[in-house]
Amino acid sequence: MDETYPLVQARNELGQLVNRVRHGREHFVISEYGKPAAALIPIDELDELRRLRDEADIAEAQRRTANPTGEPKTHEDFMAELEAEDRQAAAS
């Protein structure tokens, strides 16, 4: 379980927390007003999260750009699809 530190305490102990993350490979959640707001994780784990996010984004873009006919979507059609999804999400 990750330890949680209130923002003020984390700020006061930042050097120590960074050392624990770097050398002990620990994770810390920083809360603000009692709610999780940020996390301290080792940089190589952040790199891996970014790589996974990029792979997911590429797969999603490939899925979205493929038409059932096999023809690429036009930019206008793609943007219209994104706008429709945004409207649907805002209505939810």
N, C-alpha and C. Protein backbone atom coordinates (compact mmCIF):
# COMPACT_ATOMS: atom_id res chain seq x y z
N MET A 1 0.84 -1.18 0.00
CA MET A 1 0.00 0.00 0.00
C MET A 1 0.89 1.25 0.00
N ASP A 2 0.59 2.19 -0.86
CA ASP A 2 1.37 3.41 -0.93
C ASP A 2 1.06 4.30 0.27
N GLU A 3 2.10 4.92 0.79
CA GLU A 3 1.90 5.87 1.88
C GLU A 3 1.35 7.17 1.32
N THR A 4 0.50 7.82 2.08
CA THR A 4 -0.07 9.10 1.67
C THR A 4 0.44 10.19 2.61
N TYR A 5 0.87 11.29 2.00
CA TYR A 5 1.35 12.44 2.75
C TYR A 5 0.53 13.66 2.37
N PRO A 6 0.08 14.42 3.36
CA PRO A 6 -0.55 15.70 3.04
C PRO A 6 0.48 16.60 2.35
N LEU A 7 0.01 17.47 1.50
CA LEU A 7 0.89 18.33 0.71
C LEU A 7 1.91 19.08 1.57
N VAL A 8 1.50 19.66 2.66
CA VAL A 8 2.42 20.45 3.50
C VAL A 8 3.52 19.55 4.06
N GLN A 9 3.16 18.37 4.53
CA GLN A 9 4.15 17.45 5.06
C GLN A 9 5.09 16.97 3.96
N ALA A 10 4.54 16.65 2.79
CA ALA A 10 5.37 16.20 1.66
C ALA A 10 6.35 17.28 1.26
N ARG A 11 5.89 18.53 1.26
CA ARG A 11 6.79 19.64 0.90
C ARG A 11 7.93 19.73 1.91
N ASN A 12 7.62 19.57 3.18
CA ASN A 12 8.65 19.66 4.22
C ASN A 12 9.62 18.49 4.18
N GLU A 13 9.19 17.34 3.65
CA GLU A 13 10.02 16.14 3.64
C GLU A 13 10.39 15.71 2.21
N LEU A 14 10.30 16.63 1.25
CA LEU A 14 10.46 16.27 -0.15
C LEU A 14 11.80 15.59 -0.44
N GLY A 15 12.89 16.11 0.07
CA GLY A 15 14.20 15.50 -0.18
C GLY A 15 14.25 14.06 0.29
N GLN A 16 13.74 13.80 1.48
CA GLN A 16 13.72 12.45 2.03
C GLN A 16 12.82 11.54 1.19
N LEU A 17 11.66 12.04 0.78
CA LEU A 17 10.74 11.23 -0.01
C LEU A 17 11.35 10.89 -1.38
N VAL A 18 12.00 11.87 -2.00
CA VAL A 18 12.64 11.62 -3.30
C VAL A 18 13.73 10.56 -3.15
N ASN A 19 14.51 10.63 -2.11
CA ASN A 19 15.54 9.60 -1.89
C ASN A 19 14.92 8.22 -1.71
N ARG A 20 13.82 8.14 -0.98
CA ARG A 20 13.15 6.85 -0.78
C ARG A 20 12.59 6.32 -2.09
N VAL A 21 12.10 7.21 -2.94
CA VAL A 21 11.59 6.78 -4.24
C VAL A 21 12.75 6.31 -5.10
N ARG A 22 13.80 7.10 -5.15
CA ARG A 22 14.94 6.79 -6.03
C ARG A 22 15.65 5.51 -5.60
N HIS A 23 15.93 5.39 -4.32
CA HIS A 23 16.76 4.28 -3.86
C HIS A 23 15.94 3.11 -3.34
N GLY A 24 14.81 3.38 -2.76
CA GLY A 24 14.00 2.30 -2.18
C GLY A 24 12.86 1.87 -3.07
N ARG A 25 12.70 2.59 -4.21
CA ARG A 25 11.66 2.27 -5.18
C ARG A 25 10.26 2.28 -4.54
N GLU A 26 10.10 3.19 -3.57
CA GLU A 26 8.80 3.33 -2.93
C GLU A 26 7.91 4.26 -3.75
N HIS A 27 6.62 4.23 -3.44
CA HIS A 27 5.64 5.11 -4.07
C HIS A 27 4.95 5.91 -2.97
N PHE A 28 4.66 7.17 -3.26
CA PHE A 28 3.96 8.01 -2.30
C PHE A 28 2.85 8.77 -2.99
N VAL A 29 1.73 8.86 -2.32
CA VAL A 29 0.61 9.66 -2.80
C VAL A 29 0.61 10.95 -1.99
N ILE A 30 0.44 12.06 -2.67
CA ILE A 30 0.37 13.36 -2.00
C ILE A 30 -1.08 13.82 -2.07
N SER A 31 -1.61 14.14 -0.91
CA SER A 31 -3.01 14.55 -0.86
C SER A 31 -3.12 16.05 -0.63
N GLU A 32 -4.23 16.59 -1.10
CA GLU A 32 -4.53 18.00 -0.90
C GLU A 32 -5.98 18.06 -0.46
N TYR A 33 -6.22 18.66 0.67
CA TYR A 33 -7.56 18.73 1.25
C TYR A 33 -8.15 17.34 1.43
N GLY A 34 -7.29 16.37 1.79
CA GLY A 34 -7.75 15.02 2.09
C GLY A 34 -7.99 14.13 0.88
N LYS A 35 -7.73 14.64 -0.32
CA LYS A 35 -7.95 13.85 -1.53
C LYS A 35 -6.63 13.65 -2.27
N PRO A 36 -6.40 12.45 -2.84
CA PRO A 36 -5.18 12.23 -3.62
C PRO A 36 -5.06 13.26 -4.74
N ALA A 37 -3.85 13.85 -4.87
CA ALA A 37 -3.64 14.89 -5.87
C ALA A 37 -2.47 14.58 -6.80
N ALA A 38 -1.48 13.85 -6.31
CA ALA A 38 -0.28 13.58 -7.11
C ALA A 38 0.41 12.36 -6.52
N ALA A 39 1.42 11.89 -7.24
CA ALA A 39 2.18 10.74 -6.75
C ALA A 39 3.65 10.93 -7.05
N LEU A 40 4.47 10.36 -6.20
CA LEU A 40 5.92 10.29 -6.44
C LEU A 40 6.22 8.83 -6.76
N ILE A 41 6.78 8.59 -7.95
CA ILE A 41 7.15 7.24 -8.37
C ILE A 41 8.53 7.30 -9.01
N PRO A 42 9.23 6.17 -9.07
CA PRO A 42 10.53 6.16 -9.74
C PRO A 42 10.39 6.57 -11.20
N ILE A 43 11.39 7.27 -11.71
CA ILE A 43 11.33 7.82 -13.06
C ILE A 43 11.20 6.73 -14.11
N ASP A 44 11.83 5.57 -13.90
CA ASP A 44 11.71 4.52 -14.91
C ASP A 44 10.28 3.98 -14.98
N GLU A 45 9.56 4.01 -13.87
CA GLU A 45 8.15 3.61 -13.90
C GLU A 45 7.31 4.64 -14.65
N LEU A 46 7.65 5.92 -14.49
CA LEU A 46 6.96 6.95 -15.25
C LEU A 46 7.21 6.77 -16.75
N ASP A 47 8.45 6.47 -17.11
CA ASP A 47 8.77 6.21 -18.52
C ASP A 47 7.95 5.05 -19.06
N GLU A 48 7.81 4.00 -18.28
CA GLU A 48 7.02 2.84 -18.71
C GLU A 48 5.54 3.20 -18.85
N LEU A 49 5.01 3.98 -17.92
CA LEU A 49 3.61 4.43 -18.04
C LEU A 49 3.41 5.26 -19.30
N ARG A 50 4.35 6.13 -19.60
CA ARG A 50 4.26 6.94 -20.82
C ARG A 50 4.30 6.06 -22.07
N ARG A 51 5.19 5.07 -22.07
CA ARG A 51 5.29 4.17 -23.21
C ARG A 51 3.98 3.41 -23.42
N LEU A 52 3.41 2.90 -22.34
CA LEU A 52 2.14 2.17 -22.44
C LEU A 52 1.02 3.09 -22.91
N ARG A 53 1.01 4.32 -22.42
CA ARG A 53 -0.02 5.28 -22.85
C ARG A 53 0.13 5.58 -24.33
N ASP A 54 1.37 5.76 -24.78
CA ASP A 54 1.61 6.04 -26.20
C ASP A 54 1.15 4.87 -27.07
N GLU A 55 1.45 3.63 -26.64
CA GLU A 55 1.01 2.46 -27.40
C GLU A 55 -0.51 2.40 -27.47
N ALA A 56 -1.17 2.69 -26.36
CA ALA A 56 -2.64 2.68 -26.34
C ALA A 56 -3.19 3.78 -27.24
N ASP A 57 -2.56 4.95 -27.23
CA ASP A 57 -3.01 6.05 -28.09
C ASP A 57 -2.85 5.69 -29.56
N ILE A 58 -1.74 5.06 -29.91
CA ILE A 58 -1.51 4.66 -31.31
C ILE A 58 -2.55 3.64 -31.74
N ALA A 59 -2.81 2.65 -30.88
CA ALA A 59 -3.81 1.63 -31.22
C ALA A 59 -5.19 2.26 -31.39
N GLU A 60 -5.53 3.20 -30.52
CA GLU A 60 -6.82 3.88 -30.61
C GLU A 60 -6.90 4.72 -31.88
N ALA A 61 -5.83 5.40 -32.22
CA ALA A 61 -5.82 6.21 -33.45
C ALA A 61 -5.97 5.32 -34.68
N GLN A 62 -5.31 4.18 -34.67
CA GLN A 62 -5.44 3.26 -35.80
C GLN A 62 -6.86 2.73 -35.90
N ARG A 63 -7.48 2.42 -34.77
CA ARG A 63 -8.85 1.95 -34.77
C ARG A 63 -9.79 3.01 -35.31
N ARG A 64 -9.59 4.24 -34.87
CA ARG A 64 -10.47 5.33 -35.27
C ARG A 64 -10.32 5.72 -36.74
N THR A 65 -9.13 5.56 -37.27
CA THR A 65 -8.91 5.99 -38.65
C THR A 65 -9.32 4.94 -39.66
N ALA A 66 -9.63 3.74 -39.22
CA ALA A 66 -10.01 2.68 -40.15
C ALA A 66 -11.53 2.74 -40.38
N ASN A 67 -11.91 2.79 -41.62
CA ASN A 67 -13.31 2.70 -42.02
C ASN A 67 -13.65 1.24 -42.25
N PRO A 68 -14.91 0.86 -42.12
CA PRO A 68 -15.29 -0.52 -42.44
C PRO A 68 -14.93 -0.89 -43.88
N THR A 69 -14.87 0.10 -44.76
CA THR A 69 -14.54 -0.17 -46.17
C THR A 69 -13.06 -0.38 -46.38
N GLY A 70 -12.24 -0.08 -45.35
CA GLY A 70 -10.80 -0.19 -45.49
C GLY A 70 -10.15 1.09 -45.98
N GLU A 71 -10.97 2.06 -46.38
CA GLU A 71 -10.46 3.35 -46.83
C GLU A 71 -10.13 4.21 -45.61
N PRO A 72 -9.08 4.99 -45.67
CA PRO A 72 -8.80 5.90 -44.55
C PRO A 72 -9.89 6.95 -44.42
N LYS A 73 -10.15 7.37 -43.18
CA LYS A 73 -11.11 8.44 -42.94
C LYS A 73 -10.48 9.77 -43.34
N THR A 74 -11.33 10.68 -43.76
CA THR A 74 -10.83 12.03 -44.02
C THR A 74 -10.62 12.72 -42.68
N HIS A 75 -9.82 13.75 -42.71
CA HIS A 75 -9.59 14.54 -41.49
C HIS A 75 -10.91 15.10 -40.96
N GLU A 76 -11.75 15.57 -41.85
CA GLU A 76 -13.04 16.15 -41.45
C GLU A 76 -13.92 15.11 -40.75
N ASP A 77 -13.98 13.89 -41.32
CA ASP A 77 -14.77 12.82 -40.71
C ASP A 77 -14.22 12.45 -39.33
N PHE A 78 -12.90 12.37 -39.24
CA PHE A 78 -12.26 12.03 -37.97
C PHE A 78 -12.56 13.08 -36.91
N MET A 79 -12.43 14.36 -37.27
CA MET A 79 -12.70 15.45 -36.32
C MET A 79 -14.18 15.45 -35.92
N ALA A 80 -15.07 15.18 -36.85
CA ALA A 80 -16.51 15.12 -36.54
C ALA A 80 -16.78 14.00 -35.54
N GLU A 81 -16.11 12.87 -35.71
CA GLU A 81 -16.28 11.76 -34.78
C GLU A 81 -15.81 12.15 -33.38
N LEU A 82 -14.65 12.81 -33.30
CA LEU A 82 -14.14 13.25 -32.00
C LEU A 82 -15.10 14.24 -31.33
N GLU A 83 -15.61 15.18 -32.11
CA GLU A 83 -16.54 16.17 -31.55
C GLU A 83 -17.81 15.51 -31.06
N ALA A 84 -18.32 14.52 -31.80
CA ALA A 84 -19.52 13.80 -31.36
C ALA A 84 -19.25 13.06 -30.06
N GLU A 85 -18.08 12.46 -29.92
CA GLU A 85 -17.73 11.76 -28.69
C GLU A 85 -17.62 12.77 -27.53
N ASP A 86 -17.05 13.92 -27.77
CA ASP A 86 -16.94 14.95 -26.74
C ASP A 86 -18.32 15.42 -26.28
N ARG A 87 -19.24 15.62 -27.24
CA ARG A 87 -20.60 16.04 -26.88
C ARG A 87 -21.30 14.97 -26.06
N GLN A 88 -21.10 13.70 -26.47
CA GLN A 88 -21.72 12.59 -25.75
C GLN A 88 -21.16 12.50 -24.32
N ALA A 89 -19.85 12.68 -24.18
CA ALA A 89 -19.23 12.62 -22.85
C ALA A 89 -19.70 13.78 -21.98
N ALA A 90 -19.86 14.96 -22.56
CA ALA A 90 -20.32 16.12 -21.80
C ALA A 90 -21.76 15.94 -21.35
N ALA A 91 -22.56 15.24 -22.14
CA ALA A 91 -23.96 15.03 -21.80
C ALA A 91 -24.13 13.97 -20.71
N SER A 92 -23.10 13.13 -20.51
CA SER A 92 -23.18 12.05 -19.51
C SER A 92 -23.01 12.55 -18.10
